[in-house]
Amino acid sequence: MWMSRLYPTYEPNTFLVSNGLSTIAFALPGALAAERR
């Protein structure tokens, strides 16, 4: 959770975070979304 507050981002919608609740279920969709950017 602290990573989402301290990680520097310079453009909107460029930091994808799973919110710490479902890390394993977030891995594949998160990787696909990051690849599309």
Protein backbone atom coordinates (compact mmCIF):
# COMPACT_ATOMS: atom_id res chain seq x y z
CA MET A 1 0.00 0.00 0.00
CA TRP A 2 2.81 2.45 0.81
CA MET A 3 4.26 1.92 -2.65
CA SER A 4 1.19 3.46 -4.27
CA ARG A 5 1.67 6.60 -2.19
CA LEU A 6 5.42 7.03 -2.69
CA TYR A 7 5.98 5.88 -6.29
CA PRO A 8 6.50 8.90 -8.58
CA THR A 9 4.15 9.06 -11.56
CA TYR A 10 4.23 11.79 -14.16
CA GLU A 11 1.17 11.00 -16.28
CA PRO A 12 -2.35 9.92 -15.29
CA ASN A 13 -3.21 6.20 -15.40
CA THR A 14 0.42 5.03 -15.61
CA PHE A 15 0.68 3.23 -12.23
CA LEU A 16 -1.39 0.07 -11.85
CA VAL A 17 -1.75 -1.24 -8.30
CA SER A 18 -3.72 -4.24 -7.02
CA ASN A 19 -4.54 -2.50 -3.72
CA GLY A 20 -3.03 -5.43 -1.79
CA LEU A 21 -6.22 -7.46 -1.77
CA SER A 22 -5.86 -9.84 -4.69
CA THR A 23 -2.27 -9.85 -5.87
CA ILE A 24 -2.36 -13.20 -7.69
CA ALA A 25 -5.64 -12.45 -9.44
CA PHE A 26 -4.25 -9.07 -10.54
CA ALA A 27 -0.99 -10.34 -12.07
CA LEU A 28 -2.23 -11.46 -15.49
CA PRO A 29 -4.71 -8.62 -16.16
CA GLY A 30 -2.18 -6.11 -14.85
CA ALA A 31 0.53 -7.44 -17.15
CA LEU A 32 -1.81 -7.32 -20.13
CA ALA A 33 -2.84 -3.75 -19.34
CA ALA A 34 0.79 -2.69 -18.93
CA GLU A 35 1.67 -4.28 -22.26
CA ARG A 36 -1.07 -2.30 -24.02
CA ARG A 37 0.39 1.04 -22.85
